[in-house]
Amino acid sequence: MGKNLLLLRELNLSGRELGDTRVNQIAALLQDKHCKLNKLILCDCSITEKQCLTLTSALKSNPSHLRELDLSGNELRNTGVNHLCDVLKDSHCKLERLRLRICLMTDKGCSALTSALKSNPSHLRELELSKNKLGDPGVKNLSDLLRKPQCKLEKLQLSDCSITEEGYKALSSALRSNPSHLIELDPHRK
């Protein structure tokens, strides 16, 4: 791995189809003990579930520096999100911003995500899940996370997630029970 790449604090490859070779190169960078990458943005990179496993395996070996991860617009599906959950559960994970907009996640993926965040909730400040099929079951799981006093989430984006009145009620109830941190909520249908 080149020394210049190890000095990077931010890597944005959005809009580029990475393929297995580049994903493996990014994984090698993330695994290097000298890597201090704080921000990794890989929006619309055609990352597959399998490639997500490669990236998350690398992150598990060196999770403590990354503060922002954006995998929006990739077909991670529930399987890819489940791989990511392994990183989020790690007590060394200090991720503050996670963006998974348009990742073909359903309520099952959301359930796994909120379960992982419940086990390590104190660092995440921003969660973007817009344009996934979370539905009311997914939002109810998120509401359980929001009720936890350890949850410090400040910004939650849920636009166009197939939420009905039932889901909004669950969110409202959770926010009444733990109102101190969330300062921005975007649950609107678009």
N, C-alpha and C. Protein backbone atom coordinates (compact mmCIF):
# COMPACT_ATOMS: atom_id res chain seq x y z
N MET A 1 0.86 -1.17 0.00
CA MET A 1 0.00 0.00 0.00
C MET A 1 0.90 1.23 0.00
N GLY A 2 0.62 2.19 -0.87
CA GLY A 2 1.44 3.40 -0.94
C GLY A 2 1.31 4.25 0.30
N LYS A 3 2.42 4.88 0.67
CA LYS A 3 2.45 5.70 1.88
C LYS A 3 1.46 6.86 1.78
N ASN A 4 1.32 7.45 0.58
CA ASN A 4 0.40 8.59 0.40
C ASN A 4 -1.05 8.19 0.70
N LEU A 5 -1.45 6.98 0.31
CA LEU A 5 -2.81 6.52 0.58
C LEU A 5 -3.05 6.34 2.08
N LEU A 6 -2.02 5.95 2.80
CA LEU A 6 -2.17 5.75 4.24
C LEU A 6 -2.37 7.07 4.97
N LEU A 7 -1.97 8.18 4.35
CA LEU A 7 -2.13 9.50 4.95
C LEU A 7 -3.52 10.08 4.72
N LEU A 8 -4.29 9.47 3.82
CA LEU A 8 -5.63 9.96 3.52
C LEU A 8 -6.52 9.98 4.76
N ARG A 9 -7.31 11.03 4.88
CA ARG A 9 -8.31 11.10 5.94
C ARG A 9 -9.71 10.91 5.36
N GLU A 10 -9.84 11.20 4.05
CA GLU A 10 -11.13 11.09 3.38
C GLU A 10 -10.94 10.46 2.01
N LEU A 11 -11.82 9.52 1.67
CA LEU A 11 -11.79 8.87 0.37
C LEU A 11 -13.20 8.87 -0.20
N ASN A 12 -13.37 9.55 -1.33
CA ASN A 12 -14.67 9.65 -1.98
C ASN A 12 -14.53 9.13 -3.40
N LEU A 13 -15.13 7.98 -3.67
CA LEU A 13 -15.09 7.38 -5.00
C LEU A 13 -16.50 7.27 -5.59
N SER A 14 -17.37 8.13 -5.15
CA SER A 14 -18.78 8.08 -5.58
C SER A 14 -18.91 8.12 -7.10
N GLY A 15 -19.89 7.34 -7.57
CA GLY A 15 -20.21 7.35 -8.99
C GLY A 15 -19.29 6.52 -9.86
N ARG A 16 -18.35 5.83 -9.27
CA ARG A 16 -17.43 4.99 -10.04
C ARG A 16 -17.75 3.52 -9.79
N GLU A 17 -17.84 2.76 -10.85
CA GLU A 17 -18.06 1.33 -10.68
C GLU A 17 -16.74 0.71 -10.27
N LEU A 18 -16.67 0.22 -9.06
CA LEU A 18 -15.39 -0.21 -8.49
C LEU A 18 -14.96 -1.60 -8.93
N GLY A 19 -15.86 -2.54 -8.95
CA GLY A 19 -15.49 -3.91 -9.28
C GLY A 19 -14.70 -4.56 -8.15
N ASP A 20 -14.46 -5.86 -8.29
CA ASP A 20 -13.79 -6.63 -7.24
C ASP A 20 -12.38 -6.13 -6.96
N THR A 21 -11.61 -5.81 -8.01
CA THR A 21 -10.21 -5.42 -7.83
C THR A 21 -10.09 -4.16 -6.99
N ARG A 22 -10.87 -3.14 -7.31
CA ARG A 22 -10.78 -1.88 -6.55
C ARG A 22 -11.33 -2.04 -5.13
N VAL A 23 -12.40 -2.82 -4.99
CA VAL A 23 -12.94 -3.08 -3.64
C VAL A 23 -11.87 -3.78 -2.79
N ASN A 24 -11.16 -4.73 -3.39
CA ASN A 24 -10.09 -5.42 -2.67
C ASN A 24 -8.96 -4.45 -2.29
N GLN A 25 -8.67 -3.49 -3.17
CA GLN A 25 -7.64 -2.49 -2.87
C GLN A 25 -8.08 -1.59 -1.70
N ILE A 26 -9.34 -1.19 -1.71
CA ILE A 26 -9.87 -0.37 -0.61
C ILE A 26 -9.83 -1.17 0.69
N ALA A 27 -10.19 -2.43 0.61
CA ALA A 27 -10.17 -3.30 1.79
C ALA A 27 -8.74 -3.41 2.34
N ALA A 28 -7.77 -3.56 1.46
CA ALA A 28 -6.37 -3.64 1.90
C ALA A 28 -5.95 -2.35 2.61
N LEU A 29 -6.38 -1.22 2.07
CA LEU A 29 -6.09 0.07 2.71
C LEU A 29 -6.71 0.12 4.11
N LEU A 30 -7.99 -0.27 4.21
CA LEU A 30 -8.69 -0.23 5.50
C LEU A 30 -8.06 -1.16 6.54
N GLN A 31 -7.49 -2.25 6.09
CA GLN A 31 -6.90 -3.22 7.01
C GLN A 31 -5.53 -2.80 7.51
N ASP A 32 -4.87 -1.91 6.78
CA ASP A 32 -3.52 -1.50 7.17
C ASP A 32 -3.55 -0.79 8.52
N LYS A 33 -2.71 -1.21 9.45
CA LYS A 33 -2.73 -0.64 10.80
C LYS A 33 -2.34 0.83 10.82
N HIS A 34 -1.72 1.32 9.74
CA HIS A 34 -1.33 2.73 9.66
C HIS A 34 -2.42 3.61 9.03
N CYS A 35 -3.47 2.98 8.53
CA CYS A 35 -4.57 3.72 7.88
C CYS A 35 -5.33 4.53 8.92
N LYS A 36 -5.53 5.80 8.64
CA LYS A 36 -6.24 6.70 9.55
C LYS A 36 -7.47 7.32 8.88
N LEU A 37 -8.04 6.62 7.91
CA LEU A 37 -9.18 7.12 7.15
C LEU A 37 -10.36 7.41 8.08
N ASN A 38 -10.86 8.65 8.03
CA ASN A 38 -12.01 9.06 8.85
C ASN A 38 -13.33 8.97 8.09
N LYS A 39 -13.26 9.17 6.77
CA LYS A 39 -14.48 9.33 5.98
C LYS A 39 -14.35 8.50 4.70
N LEU A 40 -15.28 7.57 4.50
CA LEU A 40 -15.29 6.72 3.32
C LEU A 40 -16.65 6.88 2.63
N ILE A 41 -16.63 7.42 1.42
CA ILE A 41 -17.86 7.68 0.67
C ILE A 41 -17.80 6.88 -0.63
N LEU A 42 -18.70 5.92 -0.73
CA LEU A 42 -18.75 5.03 -1.88
C LEU A 42 -20.18 4.97 -2.42
N CYS A 43 -20.76 6.11 -2.71
CA CYS A 43 -22.14 6.18 -3.23
C CYS A 43 -22.17 5.76 -4.70
N ASP A 44 -23.20 5.03 -5.06
CA ASP A 44 -23.44 4.64 -6.45
C ASP A 44 -22.20 4.03 -7.10
N CYS A 45 -21.59 3.07 -6.42
CA CYS A 45 -20.38 2.42 -6.92
C CYS A 45 -20.64 0.98 -7.36
N SER A 46 -21.91 0.60 -7.48
CA SER A 46 -22.29 -0.77 -7.87
C SER A 46 -21.69 -1.83 -6.94
N ILE A 47 -21.60 -1.51 -5.65
CA ILE A 47 -21.08 -2.46 -4.67
C ILE A 47 -22.12 -3.54 -4.43
N THR A 48 -21.69 -4.77 -4.52
CA THR A 48 -22.59 -5.93 -4.33
C THR A 48 -22.57 -6.38 -2.87
N GLU A 49 -23.44 -7.31 -2.56
CA GLU A 49 -23.46 -7.89 -1.21
C GLU A 49 -22.11 -8.53 -0.88
N LYS A 50 -21.54 -9.24 -1.85
CA LYS A 50 -20.25 -9.92 -1.66
C LYS A 50 -19.14 -8.90 -1.42
N GLN A 51 -19.14 -7.83 -2.20
CA GLN A 51 -18.12 -6.79 -2.02
C GLN A 51 -18.29 -6.07 -0.68
N CYS A 52 -19.53 -5.95 -0.24
CA CYS A 52 -19.79 -5.36 1.07
C CYS A 52 -19.17 -6.23 2.17
N LEU A 53 -19.23 -7.54 2.00
CA LEU A 53 -18.59 -8.45 2.95
C LEU A 53 -17.07 -8.20 2.98
N THR A 54 -16.46 -8.01 1.82
CA THR A 54 -15.02 -7.73 1.74
C THR A 54 -14.69 -6.46 2.49
N LEU A 55 -15.47 -5.40 2.26
CA LEU A 55 -15.22 -4.11 2.93
C LEU A 55 -15.43 -4.20 4.44
N THR A 56 -16.51 -4.84 4.84
CA THR A 56 -16.80 -4.90 6.28
C THR A 56 -15.82 -5.80 7.02
N SER A 57 -15.34 -6.84 6.37
CA SER A 57 -14.31 -7.69 6.98
C SER A 57 -13.05 -6.86 7.23
N ALA A 58 -12.71 -6.01 6.28
CA ALA A 58 -11.55 -5.13 6.44
C ALA A 58 -11.78 -4.13 7.57
N LEU A 59 -12.98 -3.58 7.63
CA LEU A 59 -13.30 -2.60 8.68
C LEU A 59 -13.26 -3.24 10.06
N LYS A 60 -13.66 -4.49 10.16
CA LYS A 60 -13.64 -5.17 11.46
C LYS A 60 -12.22 -5.29 12.01
N SER A 61 -11.25 -5.38 11.10
CA SER A 61 -9.87 -5.54 11.56
C SER A 61 -9.26 -4.20 12.01
N ASN A 62 -9.88 -3.08 11.65
CA ASN A 62 -9.33 -1.77 11.99
C ASN A 62 -10.45 -0.72 12.03
N PRO A 63 -11.41 -0.86 12.97
CA PRO A 63 -12.62 -0.01 12.92
C PRO A 63 -12.52 1.33 13.62
N SER A 64 -11.48 1.59 14.35
CA SER A 64 -11.52 2.69 15.31
C SER A 64 -11.39 4.10 14.72
N HIS A 65 -10.87 4.25 13.50
CA HIS A 65 -10.67 5.60 12.96
C HIS A 65 -11.84 6.10 12.12
N LEU A 66 -12.57 5.21 11.49
CA LEU A 66 -13.64 5.62 10.59
C LEU A 66 -14.78 6.28 11.36
N ARG A 67 -15.14 7.49 10.95
CA ARG A 67 -16.22 8.25 11.59
C ARG A 67 -17.44 8.39 10.69
N GLU A 68 -17.22 8.30 9.37
CA GLU A 68 -18.33 8.47 8.43
C GLU A 68 -18.23 7.42 7.33
N LEU A 69 -19.36 6.75 7.08
CA LEU A 69 -19.43 5.74 6.04
C LEU A 69 -20.70 5.98 5.24
N ASP A 70 -20.55 6.14 3.93
CA ASP A 70 -21.70 6.35 3.05
C ASP A 70 -21.65 5.31 1.94
N LEU A 71 -22.61 4.39 1.98
CA LEU A 71 -22.73 3.34 0.97
C LEU A 71 -24.03 3.48 0.19
N SER A 72 -24.58 4.68 0.16
CA SER A 72 -25.86 4.93 -0.51
C SER A 72 -25.81 4.57 -1.99
N GLY A 73 -26.96 4.10 -2.47
CA GLY A 73 -27.10 3.83 -3.90
C GLY A 73 -26.43 2.54 -4.37
N ASN A 74 -26.09 1.67 -3.43
CA ASN A 74 -25.52 0.37 -3.78
C ASN A 74 -26.52 -0.72 -3.40
N GLU A 75 -26.53 -1.81 -4.14
CA GLU A 75 -27.49 -2.88 -3.88
C GLU A 75 -26.99 -3.81 -2.79
N LEU A 76 -26.91 -3.28 -1.57
CA LEU A 76 -26.42 -4.06 -0.44
C LEU A 76 -27.43 -5.11 -0.01
N ARG A 77 -28.70 -4.76 -0.10
CA ARG A 77 -29.79 -5.62 0.35
C ARG A 77 -29.60 -5.98 1.82
N ASN A 78 -30.44 -6.82 2.35
CA ASN A 78 -30.36 -7.19 3.76
C ASN A 78 -29.05 -7.92 4.09
N THR A 79 -28.58 -8.73 3.15
CA THR A 79 -27.35 -9.48 3.39
C THR A 79 -26.16 -8.55 3.59
N GLY A 80 -26.02 -7.56 2.72
CA GLY A 80 -24.93 -6.59 2.86
C GLY A 80 -25.04 -5.80 4.15
N VAL A 81 -26.25 -5.42 4.52
CA VAL A 81 -26.47 -4.69 5.77
C VAL A 81 -26.10 -5.57 6.96
N ASN A 82 -26.43 -6.85 6.89
CA ASN A 82 -26.05 -7.78 7.96
C ASN A 82 -24.53 -7.84 8.13
N HIS A 83 -23.80 -7.83 7.02
CA HIS A 83 -22.33 -7.81 7.11
C HIS A 83 -21.85 -6.54 7.82
N LEU A 84 -22.47 -5.43 7.48
CA LEU A 84 -22.11 -4.15 8.10
C LEU A 84 -22.41 -4.16 9.60
N CYS A 85 -23.45 -4.86 9.98
CA CYS A 85 -23.82 -4.94 11.40
C CYS A 85 -22.71 -5.54 12.25
N ASP A 86 -21.93 -6.45 11.69
CA ASP A 86 -20.81 -7.02 12.43
C ASP A 86 -19.81 -5.95 12.84
N VAL A 87 -19.63 -4.95 12.00
CA VAL A 87 -18.73 -3.83 12.33
C VAL A 87 -19.36 -2.95 13.40
N LEU A 88 -20.64 -2.65 13.23
CA LEU A 88 -21.32 -1.74 14.15
C LEU A 88 -21.39 -2.28 15.57
N LYS A 89 -21.43 -3.59 15.72
CA LYS A 89 -21.49 -4.21 17.05
C LYS A 89 -20.17 -4.11 17.80
N ASP A 90 -19.09 -3.95 17.07
CA ASP A 90 -17.75 -3.93 17.66
C ASP A 90 -17.59 -2.71 18.57
N SER A 91 -17.15 -2.93 19.78
CA SER A 91 -17.00 -1.81 20.73
C SER A 91 -15.93 -0.82 20.29
N HIS A 92 -15.06 -1.20 19.36
CA HIS A 92 -14.04 -0.27 18.84
C HIS A 92 -14.59 0.62 17.73
N CYS A 93 -15.76 0.31 17.22
CA CYS A 93 -16.37 1.10 16.15
C CYS A 93 -16.84 2.44 16.71
N LYS A 94 -16.36 3.51 16.11
CA LYS A 94 -16.69 4.87 16.56
C LYS A 94 -17.44 5.65 15.47
N LEU A 95 -18.13 4.92 14.60
CA LEU A 95 -18.84 5.54 13.49
C LEU A 95 -19.86 6.55 14.01
N GLU A 96 -19.83 7.77 13.45
CA GLU A 96 -20.76 8.83 13.85
C GLU A 96 -21.83 9.08 12.81
N ARG A 97 -21.50 8.86 11.52
CA ARG A 97 -22.45 9.09 10.44
C ARG A 97 -22.49 7.86 9.54
N LEU A 98 -23.70 7.33 9.35
CA LEU A 98 -23.91 6.17 8.49
C LEU A 98 -25.03 6.49 7.53
N ARG A 99 -24.71 6.38 6.23
CA ARG A 99 -25.71 6.67 5.21
C ARG A 99 -25.89 5.44 4.32
N LEU A 100 -27.14 4.96 4.31
CA LEU A 100 -27.50 3.77 3.53
C LEU A 100 -28.76 4.07 2.71
N ARG A 101 -28.79 5.18 2.04
CA ARG A 101 -29.93 5.60 1.23
C ARG A 101 -29.99 4.73 -0.03
N ILE A 102 -31.17 4.27 -0.37
CA ILE A 102 -31.41 3.47 -1.58
C ILE A 102 -30.46 2.26 -1.64
N CYS A 103 -30.53 1.39 -0.65
CA CYS A 103 -29.68 0.20 -0.61
C CYS A 103 -30.48 -1.10 -0.70
N LEU A 104 -31.77 -1.00 -1.06
CA LEU A 104 -32.66 -2.15 -1.20
C LEU A 104 -32.80 -2.93 0.10
N MET A 105 -32.79 -2.22 1.20
CA MET A 105 -32.96 -2.83 2.52
C MET A 105 -34.45 -2.89 2.85
N THR A 106 -34.85 -3.95 3.56
CA THR A 106 -36.24 -4.07 4.01
C THR A 106 -36.26 -4.00 5.55
N ASP A 107 -37.42 -4.27 6.10
CA ASP A 107 -37.55 -4.24 7.56
C ASP A 107 -36.63 -5.27 8.23
N LYS A 108 -36.31 -6.38 7.55
CA LYS A 108 -35.40 -7.38 8.13
C LYS A 108 -33.99 -6.82 8.28
N GLY A 109 -33.53 -6.11 7.27
CA GLY A 109 -32.21 -5.47 7.36
C GLY A 109 -32.21 -4.38 8.41
N CYS A 110 -33.31 -3.64 8.50
CA CYS A 110 -33.43 -2.59 9.51
C CYS A 110 -33.42 -3.19 10.91
N SER A 111 -34.05 -4.34 11.07
CA SER A 111 -34.06 -5.02 12.36
C SER A 111 -32.64 -5.41 12.78
N ALA A 112 -31.87 -5.96 11.85
CA ALA A 112 -30.48 -6.33 12.14
C ALA A 112 -29.66 -5.08 12.47
N LEU A 113 -29.89 -4.01 11.71
CA LEU A 113 -29.16 -2.76 11.93
C LEU A 113 -29.45 -2.18 13.31
N THR A 114 -30.71 -2.11 13.68
CA THR A 114 -31.05 -1.53 14.99
C THR A 114 -30.57 -2.43 16.12
N SER A 115 -30.58 -3.73 15.92
CA SER A 115 -30.06 -4.64 16.93
C SER A 115 -28.56 -4.38 17.15
N ALA A 116 -27.83 -4.20 16.05
CA ALA A 116 -26.39 -3.91 16.15
C ALA A 116 -26.16 -2.58 16.85
N LEU A 117 -26.96 -1.59 16.49
CA LEU A 117 -26.79 -0.26 17.09
C LEU A 117 -27.17 -0.24 18.57
N LYS A 118 -28.11 -1.09 18.95
CA LYS A 118 -28.47 -1.17 20.38
C LYS A 118 -27.30 -1.68 21.21
N SER A 119 -26.48 -2.53 20.62
CA SER A 119 -25.34 -3.08 21.36
C SER A 119 -24.18 -2.09 21.44
N ASN A 120 -24.17 -1.05 20.61
CA ASN A 120 -23.09 -0.06 20.61
C ASN A 120 -23.66 1.28 20.13
N PRO A 121 -24.60 1.87 20.89
CA PRO A 121 -25.36 3.02 20.38
C PRO A 121 -24.75 4.40 20.62
N SER A 122 -23.72 4.51 21.38
CA SER A 122 -23.35 5.83 21.91
C SER A 122 -22.63 6.75 20.95
N HIS A 123 -22.09 6.26 19.83
CA HIS A 123 -21.32 7.13 18.95
C HIS A 123 -22.12 7.67 17.76
N LEU A 124 -23.06 6.89 17.26
CA LEU A 124 -23.77 7.28 16.04
C LEU A 124 -24.61 8.54 16.26
N ARG A 125 -24.39 9.55 15.41
CA ARG A 125 -25.11 10.82 15.49
C ARG A 125 -26.07 11.02 14.32
N GLU A 126 -25.75 10.40 13.18
CA GLU A 126 -26.56 10.60 11.98
C GLU A 126 -26.79 9.27 11.28
N LEU A 127 -28.07 9.00 10.95
CA LEU A 127 -28.44 7.77 10.26
C LEU A 127 -29.38 8.11 9.12
N GLU A 128 -28.97 7.79 7.90
CA GLU A 128 -29.75 8.06 6.69
C GLU A 128 -30.18 6.73 6.08
N LEU A 129 -31.50 6.48 6.10
CA LEU A 129 -32.05 5.23 5.57
C LEU A 129 -33.13 5.48 4.51
N SER A 130 -33.21 6.66 3.99
CA SER A 130 -34.26 7.02 3.03
C SER A 130 -34.28 6.09 1.82
N LYS A 131 -35.50 5.94 1.29
CA LYS A 131 -35.76 5.18 0.06
C LYS A 131 -35.39 3.70 0.18
N ASN A 132 -35.62 3.15 1.36
CA ASN A 132 -35.55 1.71 1.58
C ASN A 132 -36.94 1.26 2.00
N LYS A 133 -37.26 0.00 1.84
CA LYS A 133 -38.59 -0.53 2.17
C LYS A 133 -38.65 -0.98 3.62
N LEU A 134 -38.47 -0.03 4.54
CA LEU A 134 -38.45 -0.37 5.96
C LEU A 134 -39.84 -0.67 6.50
N GLY A 135 -40.83 0.07 6.02
CA GLY A 135 -42.19 -0.10 6.49
C GLY A 135 -42.33 0.13 7.99
N ASP A 136 -43.50 -0.12 8.50
CA ASP A 136 -43.76 0.09 9.93
C ASP A 136 -42.91 -0.84 10.82
N PRO A 137 -42.71 -2.12 10.44
CA PRO A 137 -41.87 -2.97 11.30
C PRO A 137 -40.45 -2.42 11.47
N GLY A 138 -39.87 -1.92 10.39
CA GLY A 138 -38.53 -1.35 10.47
C GLY A 138 -38.48 -0.11 11.34
N VAL A 139 -39.49 0.75 11.18
CA VAL A 139 -39.54 1.98 11.97
C VAL A 139 -39.79 1.67 13.45
N LYS A 140 -40.57 0.64 13.72
CA LYS A 140 -40.79 0.25 15.12
C LYS A 140 -39.47 -0.20 15.76
N ASN A 141 -38.65 -0.93 15.01
CA ASN A 141 -37.33 -1.32 15.52
C ASN A 141 -36.47 -0.09 15.79
N LEU A 142 -36.48 0.86 14.88
CA LEU A 142 -35.73 2.10 15.08
C LEU A 142 -36.24 2.85 16.30
N SER A 143 -37.54 2.82 16.50
CA SER A 143 -38.14 3.49 17.66
C SER A 143 -37.62 2.90 18.96
N ASP A 144 -37.44 1.57 18.98
CA ASP A 144 -36.87 0.93 20.17
C ASP A 144 -35.46 1.44 20.44
N LEU A 145 -34.70 1.66 19.38
CA LEU A 145 -33.34 2.21 19.53
C LEU A 145 -33.41 3.63 20.09
N LEU A 146 -34.32 4.44 19.56
CA LEU A 146 -34.44 5.83 20.00
C LEU A 146 -34.84 5.95 21.47
N ARG A 147 -35.52 4.94 21.99
CA ARG A 147 -35.94 4.96 23.40
C ARG A 147 -34.76 4.76 24.36
N LYS A 148 -33.69 4.16 23.88
CA LYS A 148 -32.55 3.86 24.76
C LYS A 148 -31.85 5.16 25.18
N PRO A 149 -31.62 5.36 26.45
CA PRO A 149 -30.94 6.58 26.91
C PRO A 149 -29.53 6.72 26.33
N GLN A 150 -28.89 5.60 25.99
CA GLN A 150 -27.54 5.65 25.43
C GLN A 150 -27.53 6.12 23.98
N CYS A 151 -28.67 6.10 23.31
CA CYS A 151 -28.77 6.52 21.91
C CYS A 151 -28.59 8.04 21.83
N LYS A 152 -27.59 8.46 21.06
CA LYS A 152 -27.28 9.89 20.92
C LYS A 152 -27.58 10.40 19.51
N LEU A 153 -28.43 9.67 18.80
CA LEU A 153 -28.75 10.03 17.43
C LEU A 153 -29.33 11.44 17.36
N GLU A 154 -28.76 12.28 16.50
CA GLU A 154 -29.21 13.66 16.34
C GLU A 154 -29.99 13.87 15.05
N LYS A 155 -29.69 13.05 14.04
CA LYS A 155 -30.31 13.23 12.73
C LYS A 155 -30.73 11.87 12.18
N LEU A 156 -32.02 11.74 11.86
CA LEU A 156 -32.56 10.49 11.33
C LEU A 156 -33.36 10.81 10.07
N GLN A 157 -32.98 10.20 8.96
CA GLN A 157 -33.66 10.46 7.69
C GLN A 157 -34.34 9.17 7.22
N LEU A 158 -35.65 9.28 7.06
CA LEU A 158 -36.47 8.13 6.69
C LEU A 158 -37.44 8.45 5.54
N SER A 159 -37.07 9.35 4.66
CA SER A 159 -37.95 9.72 3.54
C SER A 159 -38.23 8.53 2.65
N ASP A 160 -39.50 8.40 2.26
CA ASP A 160 -39.92 7.39 1.29
C ASP A 160 -39.53 5.97 1.72
N CYS A 161 -39.92 5.62 2.96
CA CYS A 161 -39.60 4.30 3.52
C CYS A 161 -40.85 3.46 3.77
N SER A 162 -41.96 3.80 3.10
CA SER A 162 -43.21 3.04 3.23
C SER A 162 -43.74 3.02 4.66
N ILE A 163 -43.71 4.16 5.31
CA ILE A 163 -44.17 4.29 6.69
C ILE A 163 -45.63 4.75 6.68
N THR A 164 -46.45 4.12 7.51
CA THR A 164 -47.85 4.54 7.65
C THR A 164 -48.03 5.23 9.00
N GLU A 165 -49.27 5.54 9.30
CA GLU A 165 -49.59 6.20 10.58
C GLU A 165 -49.10 5.39 11.77
N GLU A 166 -49.18 4.08 11.66
CA GLU A 166 -48.73 3.19 12.75
C GLU A 166 -47.23 3.40 13.05
N GLY A 167 -46.44 3.52 12.00
CA GLY A 167 -45.00 3.75 12.18
C GLY A 167 -44.72 5.12 12.76
N TYR A 168 -45.48 6.12 12.31
CA TYR A 168 -45.29 7.47 12.85
C TYR A 168 -45.64 7.53 14.33
N LYS A 169 -46.65 6.77 14.73
CA LYS A 169 -47.02 6.72 16.15
C LYS A 169 -45.89 6.13 16.99
N ALA A 170 -45.28 5.07 16.49
CA ALA A 170 -44.15 4.44 17.19
C ALA A 170 -43.00 5.43 17.34
N LEU A 171 -42.70 6.16 16.26
CA LEU A 171 -41.64 7.17 16.31
C LEU A 171 -41.96 8.25 17.33
N SER A 172 -43.19 8.74 17.28
CA SER A 172 -43.63 9.79 18.19
C SER A 172 -43.51 9.35 19.65
N SER A 173 -43.93 8.15 19.94
CA SER A 173 -43.86 7.62 21.29
C SER A 173 -42.40 7.52 21.76
N ALA A 174 -41.53 7.05 20.88
CA ALA A 174 -40.11 6.92 21.23
C ALA A 174 -39.49 8.29 21.52
N LEU A 175 -39.85 9.26 20.71
CA LEU A 175 -39.27 10.60 20.89
C LEU A 175 -39.77 11.26 22.17
N ARG A 176 -40.99 10.96 22.56
CA ARG A 176 -41.50 11.51 23.83
C ARG A 176 -40.76 10.89 25.02
N SER A 177 -40.37 9.62 24.89
CA SER A 177 -39.72 8.95 26.02
C SER A 177 -38.23 9.30 26.14
N ASN A 178 -37.60 9.76 25.05
CA ASN A 178 -36.17 10.11 25.07
C ASN A 178 -35.94 11.26 24.11
N PRO A 179 -36.40 12.47 24.47
CA PRO A 179 -36.40 13.58 23.52
C PRO A 179 -35.11 14.39 23.45
N SER A 180 -34.12 14.08 24.23
CA SER A 180 -33.03 15.02 24.43
C SER A 180 -32.02 15.15 23.30
N HIS A 181 -31.90 14.19 22.39
CA HIS A 181 -30.81 14.26 21.42
C HIS A 181 -31.24 14.54 19.99
N LEU A 182 -32.32 13.95 19.53
CA LEU A 182 -32.70 14.08 18.12
C LEU A 182 -33.09 15.52 17.81
N ILE A 183 -32.37 16.13 16.86
CA ILE A 183 -32.66 17.52 16.48
C ILE A 183 -33.20 17.63 15.05
N GLU A 184 -33.06 16.54 14.27
CA GLU A 184 -33.59 16.57 12.91
C GLU A 184 -34.16 15.21 12.56
N LEU A 185 -35.42 15.21 12.14
CA LEU A 185 -36.10 14.00 11.73
C LEU A 185 -36.78 14.28 10.41
N ASP A 186 -36.49 13.46 9.40
CA ASP A 186 -37.11 13.62 8.10
C ASP A 186 -37.81 12.32 7.73
N PRO A 187 -39.10 12.18 8.16
CA PRO A 187 -39.84 10.97 7.86
C PRO A 187 -40.81 11.12 6.68
N HIS A 188 -40.68 12.19 5.91
CA HIS A 188 -41.69 12.49 4.88
C HIS A 188 -41.65 11.54 3.71
N ARG A 189 -42.83 11.36 3.14
CA ARG A 189 -42.94 10.60 1.89
C ARG A 189 -42.60 11.55 0.77
N LYS A 190 -41.85 11.07 -0.21
CA LYS A 190 -41.48 11.92 -1.35
C LYS A 190 -42.04 11.33 -2.61
